[in-house]
Amino acid sequence: MGQMFVLWMLGNEEARPARVICTDVDDKRLGALRRLGDSSPEGLDFQVVDARKSATEEFLSGTEIDYLVILCPVLTAVQACIPFLAAGAVLNCFAGMKGAVLPLAVDAIASRRLRIVGFSGLDTPAMNSALARIVSGDVDVSPVVAAVGGMDAGREALEACGGGAYPGKIVIYNGTNAPL
């Protein structure tokens, strides 16, 4: 899902496409995405799709995508989107698929000049820039922070992450004790 990526994209005019489609299979995360979309800039086609209820063909058509970011380690999601990529498109598999093997039709990729990349985060200068924008107040991350706690809540936070208890980020502060 990548709420932080969506938040970054909404606040970064140079990186913002004309159309954004966010899909997920979890009601809490779908709700969080809808809330982010409520603050999307005027003129942006921002859609949230429950992937349990809609096939890819229901919200994509033709070969219209020139840049696609997949923010989940789900091979079937990647495979389902490849037919919709325009010639010369980039497919960025962000969340990592450690140890996964993705069978691809090389002829389709080569003939359409598709680029498929894997990416698991920003480089250090980009992270420093993002942090500076957050600290200065240019970027408000509160819409994607679902829970906050101190170090004593660390174990509970890890269990909550594993169980999908929160629809967003969990922030744990070092040097303080506070419940989650």
Protein backbone atom coordinates (compact mmCIF):
# COMPACT_ATOMS: atom_id res chain seq x y z
CA MET A 1 0.00 0.00 0.00
CA GLY A 2 2.71 2.46 0.91
CA GLN A 3 0.94 5.27 2.75
CA MET A 4 4.24 7.13 3.19
CA PHE A 5 4.86 6.93 -0.56
CA VAL A 6 1.35 8.21 -1.29
CA LEU A 7 1.83 11.04 1.21
CA TRP A 8 5.18 11.93 -0.38
CA MET A 9 3.71 11.86 -3.87
CA LEU A 10 0.74 14.04 -2.89
CA GLY A 11 3.08 16.64 -1.41
CA ASN A 12 5.61 16.57 -4.25
CA GLU A 13 4.20 18.45 -7.22
CA GLU A 14 7.06 17.48 -9.55
CA ALA A 15 6.52 13.76 -8.89
CA ARG A 16 2.74 13.81 -8.95
CA PRO A 17 1.07 11.98 -11.85
CA ALA A 18 -2.33 12.88 -13.30
CA ARG A 19 -3.88 9.67 -11.97
CA VAL A 20 -3.26 7.64 -8.82
CA ILE A 21 -4.88 4.28 -8.13
CA CYS A 22 -4.29 2.77 -4.69
CA THR A 23 -5.32 -0.81 -4.08
CA ASP A 24 -5.30 -2.90 -0.94
CA VAL A 25 -7.06 -5.87 0.61
CA ASP A 26 -7.36 -4.58 4.18
CA ASP A 27 -10.29 -2.41 5.30
CA LYS A 28 -8.21 -0.35 7.75
CA ARG A 29 -5.55 0.43 5.16
CA LEU A 30 -8.18 1.19 2.51
CA GLY A 31 -9.73 3.66 4.96
CA ALA A 32 -6.35 5.27 5.59
CA LEU A 33 -5.81 5.62 1.84
CA ARG A 34 -9.25 7.20 1.40
CA ARG A 35 -8.39 9.75 4.10
CA LEU A 36 -5.16 10.58 2.28
CA GLY A 37 -7.12 10.95 -0.95
CA ASP A 38 -9.50 13.39 0.74
CA SER A 39 -6.62 15.88 0.86
CA SER A 40 -5.36 15.23 -2.67
CA PRO A 41 -4.80 18.27 -4.89
CA GLU A 42 -7.62 19.49 -7.12
CA GLY A 43 -7.54 17.90 -10.55
CA LEU A 44 -5.77 14.72 -9.40
CA ASP A 45 -7.70 11.57 -10.29
CA PHE A 46 -7.24 9.72 -6.96
CA GLN A 47 -8.92 6.32 -6.67
CA VAL A 48 -8.91 3.74 -3.91
CA VAL A 49 -9.80 0.21 -4.99
CA ASP A 50 -10.52 -2.83 -2.84
CA ALA A 51 -8.52 -5.48 -4.70
CA ARG A 52 -10.66 -8.23 -3.15
CA LYS A 53 -13.69 -6.92 -5.02
CA SER A 54 -12.22 -5.65 -8.29
CA ALA A 55 -10.12 -7.33 -10.94
CA THR A 56 -7.27 -5.28 -12.40
CA GLU A 57 -9.19 -4.99 -15.70
CA GLU A 58 -11.98 -3.12 -13.87
CA PHE A 59 -9.81 -0.08 -13.09
CA LEU A 60 -7.12 -0.26 -15.79
CA SER A 61 -7.47 -0.52 -19.55
CA GLY A 62 -5.20 -0.72 -22.56
CA THR A 63 -1.54 0.02 -22.03
CA GLU A 64 -1.97 3.31 -20.20
CA ILE A 65 0.58 3.12 -17.36
CA ASP A 66 3.96 4.73 -17.89
CA TYR A 67 5.20 4.44 -14.29
CA LEU A 68 3.88 1.94 -11.77
CA VAL A 69 4.94 1.51 -8.17
CA ILE A 70 3.88 -1.72 -6.50
CA LEU A 71 4.19 -1.31 -2.75
CA CYS A 72 3.51 -4.86 -1.67
CA PRO A 73 5.45 -8.09 -1.95
CA VAL A 74 2.72 -9.87 -3.92
CA LEU A 75 3.90 -11.54 -7.11
CA THR A 76 0.41 -11.92 -8.54
CA ALA A 77 -0.12 -8.14 -8.24
CA VAL A 78 3.03 -7.51 -10.26
CA GLN A 79 2.08 -10.07 -12.91
CA ALA A 80 -1.48 -8.71 -13.20
CA CYS A 81 -0.25 -5.17 -13.95
CA ILE A 82 2.38 -5.92 -16.60
CA PRO A 83 -0.13 -6.13 -19.50
CA PHE A 84 -1.27 -2.56 -18.72
CA LEU A 85 2.20 -1.00 -18.98
CA ALA A 86 2.81 1.36 -21.89
CA ALA A 87 5.84 0.94 -24.15
CA GLY A 88 8.93 2.19 -22.29
CA ALA A 89 7.17 2.08 -18.90
CA VAL A 90 8.88 1.57 -15.57
CA LEU A 91 7.61 -0.96 -13.03
CA ASN A 92 9.05 -0.28 -9.58
CA CYS A 93 8.59 -3.17 -7.14
CA PHE A 94 9.15 -1.21 -3.94
CA ALA A 95 8.43 -3.40 -0.93
CA GLY A 96 10.84 -6.13 -1.84
CA MET A 97 10.12 -9.73 -2.59
CA LYS A 98 13.01 -11.38 -0.84
CA GLY A 99 13.65 -14.85 -2.21
CA ALA A 100 10.70 -14.65 -4.59
CA VAL A 101 10.91 -15.67 -8.22
CA LEU A 102 8.79 -13.73 -10.67
CA PRO A 103 8.31 -15.55 -13.97
CA LEU A 104 8.09 -12.95 -16.75
CA ALA A 105 7.59 -13.13 -20.51
CA VAL A 106 10.93 -11.73 -21.68
CA ASP A 107 9.69 -11.20 -25.24
CA ALA A 108 6.87 -8.90 -24.05
CA ILE A 109 9.27 -6.97 -21.82
CA ALA A 110 11.92 -6.58 -24.51
CA SER A 111 9.55 -5.73 -27.36
CA ARG A 112 7.83 -3.02 -25.29
CA ARG A 113 11.13 -1.78 -23.73
CA LEU A 114 9.75 -2.20 -20.20
CA ARG A 115 12.03 -1.54 -17.26
CA ILE A 116 11.42 -3.48 -14.07
CA VAL A 117 13.33 -2.38 -10.99
CA GLY A 118 13.36 -3.33 -7.35
CA PHE A 119 13.70 -0.65 -4.73
CA SER A 120 13.55 -0.85 -0.96
CA GLY A 121 14.01 2.76 0.14
CA LEU A 122 15.52 6.16 -0.46
CA ASP A 123 19.21 6.95 -0.62
CA THR A 124 20.73 8.94 2.27
CA PRO A 125 20.50 12.42 0.66
CA ALA A 126 16.83 11.82 -0.19
CA MET A 127 16.12 10.62 3.38
CA ASN A 128 17.84 13.73 4.77
CA SER A 129 15.76 15.93 2.47
CA ALA A 130 12.55 14.15 3.51
CA LEU A 131 13.44 14.49 7.19
CA ALA A 132 14.15 18.21 6.75
CA ARG A 133 10.74 18.70 5.10
CA ILE A 134 9.02 16.84 7.95
CA VAL A 135 10.88 18.78 10.67
CA SER A 136 10.17 22.12 8.96
CA GLY A 137 6.47 21.31 8.77
CA ASP A 138 6.35 21.25 4.96
CA VAL A 139 5.18 17.62 5.14
CA ASP A 140 2.66 16.44 7.72
CA VAL A 141 3.13 12.72 8.38
CA SER A 142 0.35 12.49 10.97
CA PRO A 143 -2.15 11.02 8.47
CA VAL A 144 -0.01 7.87 8.15
CA VAL A 145 1.02 7.46 11.80
CA ALA A 146 -1.42 5.06 13.42
CA ALA A 147 0.23 4.55 16.83
CA VAL A 148 3.00 6.01 18.99
CA GLY A 149 4.72 4.56 22.03
CA GLY A 150 7.88 4.42 24.08
CA MET A 151 10.58 1.77 24.16
CA ASP A 152 8.64 -0.24 26.73
CA ALA A 153 5.93 -0.74 24.08
CA GLY A 154 8.41 -2.09 21.52
CA ARG A 155 7.38 -5.73 21.81
CA GLU A 156 3.69 -4.82 21.61
CA ALA A 157 4.44 -2.68 18.54
CA LEU A 158 6.24 -5.54 16.79
CA GLU A 159 3.35 -7.90 17.53
CA ALA A 160 0.88 -5.26 16.27
CA CYS A 161 2.90 -4.94 13.03
CA GLY A 162 2.93 -8.69 12.53
CA GLY A 163 -0.80 -8.92 13.17
CA GLY A 164 -1.77 -5.89 11.09
CA ALA A 165 -3.43 -4.25 14.10
CA TYR A 166 -2.86 -0.69 12.85
CA PRO A 167 -3.54 0.72 9.37
CA GLY A 168 -0.37 2.84 9.31
CA LYS A 169 3.06 3.40 10.77
CA ILE A 170 3.92 2.70 14.41
CA VAL A 171 6.48 5.10 15.84
CA ILE A 172 8.51 4.06 18.88
CA TYR A 173 10.46 6.78 20.69
CA ASN A 174 13.77 5.90 22.27
CA GLY A 175 14.47 7.18 25.79
CA THR A 176 10.87 7.36 26.89
CA ASN A 177 8.32 4.99 28.34
CA ALA A 178 4.80 5.35 27.03
CA PRO A 179 2.05 2.87 26.16
CA LEU A 180 1.23 2.14 22.54
